[in-house]
């Protein structure tokens, strides 16, 4: 059997395999609803986890030369990249959930990426949120609990 015949048989097996995922048959990628949902998402308010900059998702898009990046957003203020799923979750996270994110991200350099002065100023705009965040963060670190309202 020649190489061309082997290649043909292999391709035919792939086509006949019902478990195989084929991108050209996914209807939702071709439907106008997908583009409408994308447009709605572009107007959604998102927050950068590193500087707490708040804006629409559209401002976080960046070009890769072949279009916009499909999974990463670029903060126009601090210049850090974040996954879209993180950017979209930030506005609905409670302070405790954000503290868990920060604590888990520390090994990847959260405090190095974060511009602490800007981050701290924005975090302290709401004292209750700031206090809840720091209490949870200290608890995760295993440090002594104290009330940050005095600071």
N, C-alpha and C. Protein backbone atom coordinates (compact mmCIF):
# COMPACT_ATOMS: atom_id res chain seq x y z
N UNK A 1 0.84 -1.17 0.00
CA UNK A 1 0.00 0.00 0.00
C UNK A 1 0.90 1.25 0.00
N UNK A 2 0.60 2.19 -0.85
CA UNK A 2 1.44 3.39 -0.96
C UNK A 2 1.12 4.37 0.17
N UNK A 3 1.97 5.37 0.33
CA UNK A 3 1.77 6.37 1.37
C UNK A 3 0.51 7.18 1.13
N UNK A 4 0.20 7.43 -0.14
CA UNK A 4 -1.01 8.19 -0.47
C UNK A 4 -2.26 7.41 -0.07
N UNK A 5 -2.25 6.11 -0.30
CA UNK A 5 -3.40 5.28 0.07
C UNK A 5 -3.55 5.22 1.59
N UNK A 6 -2.43 5.13 2.31
CA UNK A 6 -2.48 5.12 3.77
C UNK A 6 -3.04 6.44 4.30
N UNK A 7 -2.59 7.51 3.71
CA UNK A 7 -3.08 8.83 4.13
C UNK A 7 -4.59 8.94 3.87
N UNK A 8 -5.04 8.46 2.71
CA UNK A 8 -6.46 8.50 2.37
C UNK A 8 -7.28 7.69 3.36
N UNK A 9 -6.83 6.49 3.69
CA UNK A 9 -7.54 5.64 4.65
C UNK A 9 -7.60 6.30 6.03
N UNK A 10 -6.50 6.90 6.44
CA UNK A 10 -6.45 7.58 7.74
C UNK A 10 -7.45 8.73 7.78
N UNK A 11 -7.51 9.51 6.70
CA UNK A 11 -8.46 10.62 6.64
C UNK A 11 -9.90 10.12 6.66
N UNK A 12 -10.18 9.03 5.98
CA UNK A 12 -11.52 8.46 5.97
C UNK A 12 -11.93 7.95 7.34
N UNK A 13 -10.98 7.36 8.07
CA UNK A 13 -11.26 6.91 9.44
C UNK A 13 -11.63 8.10 10.32
N UNK A 14 -10.89 9.18 10.17
CA UNK A 14 -11.15 10.38 10.97
C UNK A 14 -12.54 10.92 10.66
N UNK A 15 -12.89 10.97 9.38
CA UNK A 15 -14.20 11.49 8.99
C UNK A 15 -15.33 10.62 9.52
N UNK A 16 -15.15 9.31 9.50
CA UNK A 16 -16.21 8.40 9.94
C UNK A 16 -16.29 8.26 11.46
N UNK A 17 -15.28 8.75 12.18
CA UNK A 17 -15.27 8.65 13.65
C UNK A 17 -16.28 9.64 14.23
N UNK A 18 -17.32 9.14 14.85
CA UNK A 18 -18.39 9.99 15.40
C UNK A 18 -17.97 10.73 16.67
N UNK A 19 -16.91 10.26 17.34
CA UNK A 19 -16.44 10.90 18.56
C UNK A 19 -15.53 12.10 18.28
N UNK A 20 -15.13 12.25 17.03
CA UNK A 20 -14.19 13.30 16.65
C UNK A 20 -14.90 14.65 16.62
N UNK A 21 -14.30 15.65 17.18
CA UNK A 21 -14.85 17.00 17.17
C UNK A 21 -14.37 17.73 15.93
N UNK A 22 -15.31 18.24 15.16
CA UNK A 22 -14.95 18.99 13.96
C UNK A 22 -15.43 20.42 14.11
N UNK A 23 -14.51 21.37 13.99
CA UNK A 23 -14.85 22.77 14.20
C UNK A 23 -15.76 23.33 13.12
N UNK A 24 -15.68 22.81 11.91
CA UNK A 24 -16.50 23.36 10.84
C UNK A 24 -17.98 22.98 10.97
N UNK A 25 -18.31 22.08 11.87
CA UNK A 25 -19.71 21.68 12.05
C UNK A 25 -20.35 22.33 13.27
N UNK A 26 -19.62 23.14 14.01
CA UNK A 26 -20.19 23.77 15.19
C UNK A 26 -21.05 24.96 14.77
N UNK A 27 -22.35 24.79 14.86
CA UNK A 27 -23.27 25.82 14.39
C UNK A 27 -23.22 27.08 15.21
N UNK A 28 -22.98 26.96 16.52
CA UNK A 28 -23.02 28.15 17.35
C UNK A 28 -21.91 29.13 17.00
N UNK A 29 -20.84 28.65 16.38
CA UNK A 29 -19.76 29.57 15.99
C UNK A 29 -20.16 30.39 14.77
N UNK A 30 -21.09 29.87 13.97
CA UNK A 30 -21.52 30.57 12.76
C UNK A 30 -22.77 31.41 12.98
N UNK A 31 -23.45 31.19 14.08
CA UNK A 31 -24.73 31.86 14.29
C UNK A 31 -24.53 33.34 14.61
N UNK A 32 -25.51 34.16 14.24
CA UNK A 32 -25.42 35.60 14.55
C UNK A 32 -25.52 35.86 16.05
N UNK A 33 -26.06 34.90 16.82
CA UNK A 33 -26.17 35.08 18.26
C UNK A 33 -24.79 35.18 18.91
N UNK A 34 -23.81 34.44 18.40
CA UNK A 34 -22.47 34.48 18.98
C UNK A 34 -21.88 35.88 18.87
N UNK A 35 -22.06 36.53 17.74
CA UNK A 35 -21.52 37.89 17.59
C UNK A 35 -22.30 38.88 18.44
N UNK A 36 -23.62 38.66 18.58
CA UNK A 36 -24.42 39.53 19.44
C UNK A 36 -23.98 39.41 20.89
N UNK A 37 -23.73 38.17 21.34
CA UNK A 37 -23.28 37.96 22.71
C UNK A 37 -21.93 38.61 22.94
N UNK A 38 -21.04 38.53 21.95
CA UNK A 38 -19.74 39.16 22.07
C UNK A 38 -19.88 40.67 22.20
N UNK A 39 -20.77 41.27 21.41
CA UNK A 39 -20.99 42.70 21.51
C UNK A 39 -21.53 43.08 22.87
N UNK A 40 -22.44 42.27 23.41
CA UNK A 40 -22.98 42.54 24.75
C UNK A 40 -21.87 42.43 25.80
N UNK A 41 -21.01 41.45 25.66
CA UNK A 41 -19.91 41.29 26.62
C UNK A 41 -18.93 42.44 26.54
N UNK A 42 -18.71 43.02 25.35
CA UNK A 42 -17.76 44.11 25.21
C UNK A 42 -18.19 45.34 26.01
N UNK A 43 -19.49 45.47 26.24
CA UNK A 43 -20.01 46.60 27.01
C UNK A 43 -20.08 46.29 28.51
N UNK A 44 -19.75 45.07 28.91
CA UNK A 44 -19.81 44.68 30.32
C UNK A 44 -18.67 45.34 31.11
N UNK A 45 -18.97 45.78 32.30
CA UNK A 45 -17.97 46.40 33.17
C UNK A 45 -17.10 45.31 33.79
N UNK A 46 -15.78 45.49 33.69
CA UNK A 46 -14.82 44.54 34.27
C UNK A 46 -13.83 45.32 35.13
N UNK A 47 -13.12 44.58 36.00
CA UNK A 47 -12.16 45.20 36.91
C UNK A 47 -10.84 44.46 36.80
N UNK A 48 -9.75 45.21 36.68
CA UNK A 48 -8.41 44.61 36.65
C UNK A 48 -8.07 44.13 38.07
N UNK A 49 -7.65 42.89 38.24
CA UNK A 49 -7.33 42.40 39.58
C UNK A 49 -6.04 42.99 40.16
N UNK A 50 -5.21 43.59 39.33
CA UNK A 50 -3.91 44.08 39.80
C UNK A 50 -3.91 45.56 40.19
N UNK A 51 -4.77 46.37 39.57
CA UNK A 51 -4.81 47.79 39.96
C UNK A 51 -6.23 48.25 40.27
N UNK A 52 -7.20 47.34 40.14
CA UNK A 52 -8.62 47.61 40.41
C UNK A 52 -9.19 48.70 39.50
N UNK A 53 -8.61 48.83 38.29
CA UNK A 53 -9.13 49.75 37.27
C UNK A 53 -10.43 49.19 36.74
N UNK A 54 -11.45 50.04 36.65
CA UNK A 54 -12.79 49.60 36.24
C UNK A 54 -13.15 50.26 34.91
N UNK A 55 -13.53 49.43 33.94
CA UNK A 55 -13.94 49.94 32.63
C UNK A 55 -14.68 48.84 31.88
N UNK A 56 -15.03 49.10 30.62
CA UNK A 56 -15.69 48.09 29.81
C UNK A 56 -14.66 47.09 29.28
N UNK A 57 -15.12 45.89 28.97
CA UNK A 57 -14.24 44.84 28.46
C UNK A 57 -13.56 45.27 27.16
N UNK A 58 -14.23 46.10 26.40
CA UNK A 58 -13.69 46.58 25.12
C UNK A 58 -12.34 47.27 25.30
N UNK A 59 -12.16 47.98 26.39
CA UNK A 59 -10.89 48.69 26.64
C UNK A 59 -9.75 47.74 26.97
N UNK A 60 -10.07 46.50 27.36
CA UNK A 60 -9.05 45.52 27.75
C UNK A 60 -8.59 44.65 26.58
N UNK A 61 -9.22 44.79 25.41
CA UNK A 61 -8.82 44.00 24.25
C UNK A 61 -7.47 44.47 23.73
N UNK A 62 -6.65 43.52 23.25
CA UNK A 62 -5.42 43.92 22.58
C UNK A 62 -5.18 43.06 21.35
N UNK A 63 -4.57 43.67 20.37
CA UNK A 63 -4.38 43.03 19.07
C UNK A 63 -3.17 42.12 19.07
N UNK A 64 -3.32 41.00 18.37
CA UNK A 64 -2.21 40.06 18.22
C UNK A 64 -1.63 40.11 16.82
N UNK A 65 -2.11 40.98 15.98
CA UNK A 65 -1.68 41.05 14.61
C UNK A 65 -2.64 40.32 13.68
N UNK A 66 -3.31 39.30 14.20
CA UNK A 66 -4.30 38.54 13.42
C UNK A 66 -5.70 38.77 13.96
N UNK A 67 -5.87 39.72 14.82
CA UNK A 67 -7.14 39.98 15.47
C UNK A 67 -6.89 40.17 16.95
N UNK A 68 -7.95 40.16 17.72
CA UNK A 68 -7.82 40.35 19.16
C UNK A 68 -7.54 39.03 19.84
N UNK A 69 -6.78 39.09 20.93
CA UNK A 69 -6.48 37.88 21.71
C UNK A 69 -7.78 37.35 22.27
N UNK A 70 -7.97 36.03 22.21
CA UNK A 70 -9.25 35.43 22.57
C UNK A 70 -9.39 35.06 24.04
N UNK A 71 -8.31 35.07 24.82
CA UNK A 71 -8.43 34.67 26.21
C UNK A 71 -7.79 35.64 27.19
N UNK A 72 -6.94 36.55 26.70
CA UNK A 72 -6.27 37.49 27.59
C UNK A 72 -6.72 38.92 27.36
N UNK A 73 -6.83 39.65 28.44
CA UNK A 73 -7.10 41.08 28.37
C UNK A 73 -5.89 41.85 28.87
N UNK A 74 -5.70 43.05 28.37
CA UNK A 74 -4.55 43.89 28.70
C UNK A 74 -5.07 45.14 29.38
N UNK A 75 -4.70 45.37 30.63
CA UNK A 75 -5.18 46.54 31.37
C UNK A 75 -4.55 47.80 30.79
N UNK A 76 -5.36 48.77 30.38
CA UNK A 76 -4.80 49.99 29.81
C UNK A 76 -4.09 50.86 30.85
N UNK A 77 -4.37 50.64 32.12
CA UNK A 77 -3.76 51.48 33.15
C UNK A 77 -2.44 50.90 33.69
N UNK A 78 -2.45 49.66 34.13
CA UNK A 78 -1.24 49.09 34.74
C UNK A 78 -0.42 48.25 33.77
N UNK A 79 -1.00 47.87 32.62
CA UNK A 79 -0.27 47.11 31.62
C UNK A 79 -0.16 45.62 31.88
N UNK A 80 -0.85 45.10 32.88
CA UNK A 80 -0.82 43.67 33.17
C UNK A 80 -1.87 42.93 32.34
N UNK A 81 -1.56 41.67 32.04
CA UNK A 81 -2.49 40.83 31.30
C UNK A 81 -3.25 39.95 32.28
N UNK A 82 -4.53 39.76 32.01
CA UNK A 82 -5.40 38.91 32.83
C UNK A 82 -6.28 38.09 31.92
N UNK A 83 -6.66 36.92 32.38
CA UNK A 83 -7.60 36.10 31.64
C UNK A 83 -8.97 36.79 31.63
N UNK A 84 -9.70 36.66 30.52
CA UNK A 84 -11.03 37.26 30.43
C UNK A 84 -11.95 36.73 31.52
N UNK A 85 -11.83 35.44 31.84
CA UNK A 85 -12.72 34.88 32.86
C UNK A 85 -12.48 35.53 34.21
N UNK A 86 -11.23 35.92 34.51
CA UNK A 86 -10.94 36.63 35.76
C UNK A 86 -11.50 38.04 35.71
N UNK A 87 -11.30 38.71 34.59
CA UNK A 87 -11.81 40.08 34.45
C UNK A 87 -13.33 40.12 34.59
N UNK A 88 -14.01 39.13 34.03
CA UNK A 88 -15.47 39.10 34.09
C UNK A 88 -15.99 38.71 35.47
N UNK A 89 -15.22 37.95 36.24
CA UNK A 89 -15.65 37.53 37.58
C UNK A 89 -15.39 38.60 38.64
N UNK A 90 -14.39 39.44 38.42
CA UNK A 90 -14.00 40.42 39.44
C UNK A 90 -15.16 41.27 39.97
N UNK A 91 -16.05 41.82 39.12
CA UNK A 91 -17.13 42.66 39.66
C UNK A 91 -18.12 41.92 40.56
N UNK A 92 -18.22 40.59 40.42
CA UNK A 92 -19.21 39.85 41.22
C UNK A 92 -18.57 39.13 42.41
N UNK A 93 -17.25 39.15 42.51
CA UNK A 93 -16.58 38.51 43.64
C UNK A 93 -16.83 39.28 44.92
N UNK A 94 -16.96 38.54 46.00
CA UNK A 94 -17.00 39.14 47.33
C UNK A 94 -15.56 39.39 47.76
N UNK A 95 -15.33 40.24 48.76
CA UNK A 95 -13.95 40.50 49.21
C UNK A 95 -13.21 39.23 49.63
N UNK A 96 -13.93 38.27 50.21
CA UNK A 96 -13.29 37.02 50.63
C UNK A 96 -12.80 36.22 49.42
N UNK A 97 -13.59 36.21 48.35
CA UNK A 97 -13.19 35.49 47.13
C UNK A 97 -11.98 36.16 46.48
N UNK A 98 -11.97 37.48 46.48
CA UNK A 98 -10.83 38.21 45.92
C UNK A 98 -9.58 37.95 46.75
N UNK A 99 -9.73 37.87 48.07
CA UNK A 99 -8.59 37.57 48.94
C UNK A 99 -8.03 36.18 48.62
N UNK A 100 -8.89 35.22 48.36
CA UNK A 100 -8.43 33.88 47.98
C UNK A 100 -7.69 33.91 46.65
N UNK A 101 -8.18 34.72 45.71
CA UNK A 101 -7.50 34.87 44.42
C UNK A 101 -6.10 35.46 44.63
N UNK A 102 -6.01 36.53 45.40
CA UNK A 102 -4.72 37.19 45.64
C UNK A 102 -3.78 36.23 46.35
N UNK A 103 -4.27 35.54 47.37
CA UNK A 103 -3.43 34.61 48.12
C UNK A 103 -2.91 33.49 47.22
N UNK A 104 -3.76 32.99 46.34
CA UNK A 104 -3.35 31.94 45.42
C UNK A 104 -2.42 32.42 44.33
N UNK A 105 -2.50 33.71 44.00
CA UNK A 105 -1.70 34.28 42.91
C UNK A 105 -0.35 34.77 43.40
N UNK A 106 -0.14 34.83 44.70
CA UNK A 106 1.11 35.36 45.25
C UNK A 106 2.32 34.60 44.73
N UNK A 107 2.20 33.31 44.56
CA UNK A 107 3.33 32.52 44.04
C UNK A 107 3.67 32.91 42.61
N UNK A 108 2.72 33.45 41.88
CA UNK A 108 2.96 33.89 40.52
C UNK A 108 3.30 35.38 40.45
N UNK A 109 3.54 36.00 41.58
CA UNK A 109 4.01 37.39 41.60
C UNK A 109 2.92 38.44 41.63
N UNK A 110 1.84 38.21 42.39
CA UNK A 110 0.77 39.21 42.44
C UNK A 110 1.29 40.55 42.93
N UNK A 111 2.04 40.56 44.02
CA UNK A 111 2.49 41.82 44.60
C UNK A 111 3.56 42.50 43.74
N UNK A 112 4.23 41.73 42.88
CA UNK A 112 5.19 42.33 41.94
C UNK A 112 4.46 43.00 40.77
N UNK A 113 3.37 42.39 40.33
CA UNK A 113 2.60 42.95 39.22
C UNK A 113 1.74 44.13 39.67
N UNK A 114 1.35 44.09 40.92
CA UNK A 114 0.44 45.08 41.48
C UNK A 114 1.18 46.39 41.78
N UNK A 115 0.60 47.52 41.36
CA UNK A 115 1.13 48.82 41.76
C UNK A 115 0.45 49.15 43.09
N UNK A 116 1.16 48.88 44.17
CA UNK A 116 0.53 48.87 45.49
C UNK A 116 -0.12 50.20 45.85
N UNK A 117 0.49 51.32 45.52
CA UNK A 117 -0.09 52.62 45.87
C UNK A 117 -1.46 52.82 45.25
N UNK A 118 -1.58 52.55 43.98
CA UNK A 118 -2.85 52.70 43.27
C UNK A 118 -3.85 51.66 43.77
N UNK A 119 -3.39 50.41 43.90
CA UNK A 119 -4.25 49.33 44.37
C UNK A 119 -4.80 49.64 45.76
N UNK A 120 -3.94 50.08 46.66
CA UNK A 120 -4.34 50.36 48.03
C UNK A 120 -5.34 51.51 48.10
N UNK A 121 -5.10 52.54 47.30
CA UNK A 121 -6.02 53.68 47.28
C UNK A 121 -7.41 53.25 46.83
N UNK A 122 -7.47 52.47 45.77
CA UNK A 122 -8.77 52.01 45.26
C UNK A 122 -9.42 51.01 46.20
N UNK A 123 -8.61 50.18 46.84
CA UNK A 123 -9.16 49.20 47.79
C UNK A 123 -9.76 49.93 49.00
N UNK A 124 -9.13 50.99 49.45
CA UNK A 124 -9.58 51.70 50.65
C UNK A 124 -10.74 52.65 50.40
N UNK A 125 -11.23 52.75 49.16
CA UNK A 125 -12.39 53.61 48.90
C UNK A 125 -13.62 53.13 49.66
N UNK A 126 -13.72 51.84 49.86
CA UNK A 126 -14.80 51.26 50.66
C UNK A 126 -14.16 50.53 51.83
N UNK A 127 -14.20 51.14 53.02
CA UNK A 127 -13.53 50.59 54.19
C UNK A 127 -14.05 49.20 54.58
N UNK A 128 -15.35 48.96 54.40
CA UNK A 128 -15.92 47.66 54.77
C UNK A 128 -15.34 46.55 53.89
N UNK A 129 -15.28 46.81 52.58
CA UNK A 129 -14.71 45.82 51.66
C UNK A 129 -13.23 45.60 51.97
N UNK A 130 -12.52 46.68 52.21
CA UNK A 130 -11.09 46.58 52.52
C UNK A 130 -10.86 45.77 53.79
N UNK A 131 -11.65 46.05 54.81
CA UNK A 131 -11.51 45.33 56.07
C UNK A 131 -11.80 43.84 55.90
N UNK A 132 -12.87 43.49 55.17
CA UNK A 132 -13.21 42.08 54.92
C UNK A 132 -12.11 41.40 54.13
N UNK A 133 -11.56 42.10 53.12
CA UNK A 133 -10.48 41.52 52.31
C UNK A 133 -9.27 41.20 53.18
N UNK A 134 -8.82 42.18 53.99
CA UNK A 134 -7.61 41.97 54.79
C UNK A 134 -7.81 40.92 55.88
N UNK A 135 -9.00 40.86 56.46
CA UNK A 135 -9.26 39.82 57.47
C UNK A 135 -9.15 38.43 56.84
N UNK A 136 -9.75 38.26 55.67
CA UNK A 136 -9.69 36.95 54.99
C UNK A 136 -8.26 36.65 54.53
N UNK A 137 -7.57 37.65 54.01
CA UNK A 137 -6.19 37.44 53.53
C UNK A 137 -5.27 37.02 54.68
N UNK A 138 -5.39 37.70 55.80
CA UNK A 138 -4.57 37.35 56.98
C UNK A 138 -4.93 35.96 57.50
N UNK A 139 -6.21 35.61 57.44
CA UNK A 139 -6.63 34.29 57.88
C UNK A 139 -6.01 33.22 56.99
N UNK A 140 -6.00 33.46 55.68
CA UNK A 140 -5.39 32.51 54.75
C UNK A 140 -3.89 32.39 54.97
N UNK A 141 -3.25 33.49 55.32
CA UNK A 141 -1.81 33.47 55.58
C UNK A 141 -1.49 32.84 56.91
N UNK A 142 -2.48 32.79 57.79
CA UNK A 142 -2.25 32.21 59.12
C UNK A 142 -1.71 33.22 60.11
N UNK A 143 -1.90 34.50 59.81
CA UNK A 143 -1.43 35.55 60.72
C UNK A 143 -2.50 35.90 61.73
N UNK A 144 -2.09 36.64 62.73
CA UNK A 144 -2.98 37.08 63.81
C UNK A 144 -4.09 37.97 63.25
N UNK A 145 -5.33 37.72 63.69
CA UNK A 145 -6.46 38.52 63.25
C UNK A 145 -6.46 39.85 63.99
N UNK A 146 -6.67 40.92 63.25
CA UNK A 146 -6.83 42.24 63.86
C UNK A 146 -7.76 43.07 63.02
N UNK A 147 -8.30 44.09 63.61
CA UNK A 147 -9.26 44.95 62.94
C UNK A 147 -8.52 46.07 62.22
N UNK A 148 -8.77 46.25 60.92
CA UNK A 148 -8.05 47.24 60.15
C UNK A 148 -8.75 48.60 60.09
N UNK A 149 -9.88 48.73 60.76
CA UNK A 149 -10.58 50.01 60.74
C UNK A 149 -9.76 51.07 61.48
N UNK A 150 -8.95 50.66 62.45
CA UNK A 150 -8.13 51.62 63.20
C UNK A 150 -7.03 52.20 62.33
N UNK A 151 -6.54 51.43 61.35
CA UNK A 151 -5.49 51.92 60.46
C UNK A 151 -6.05 52.92 59.48
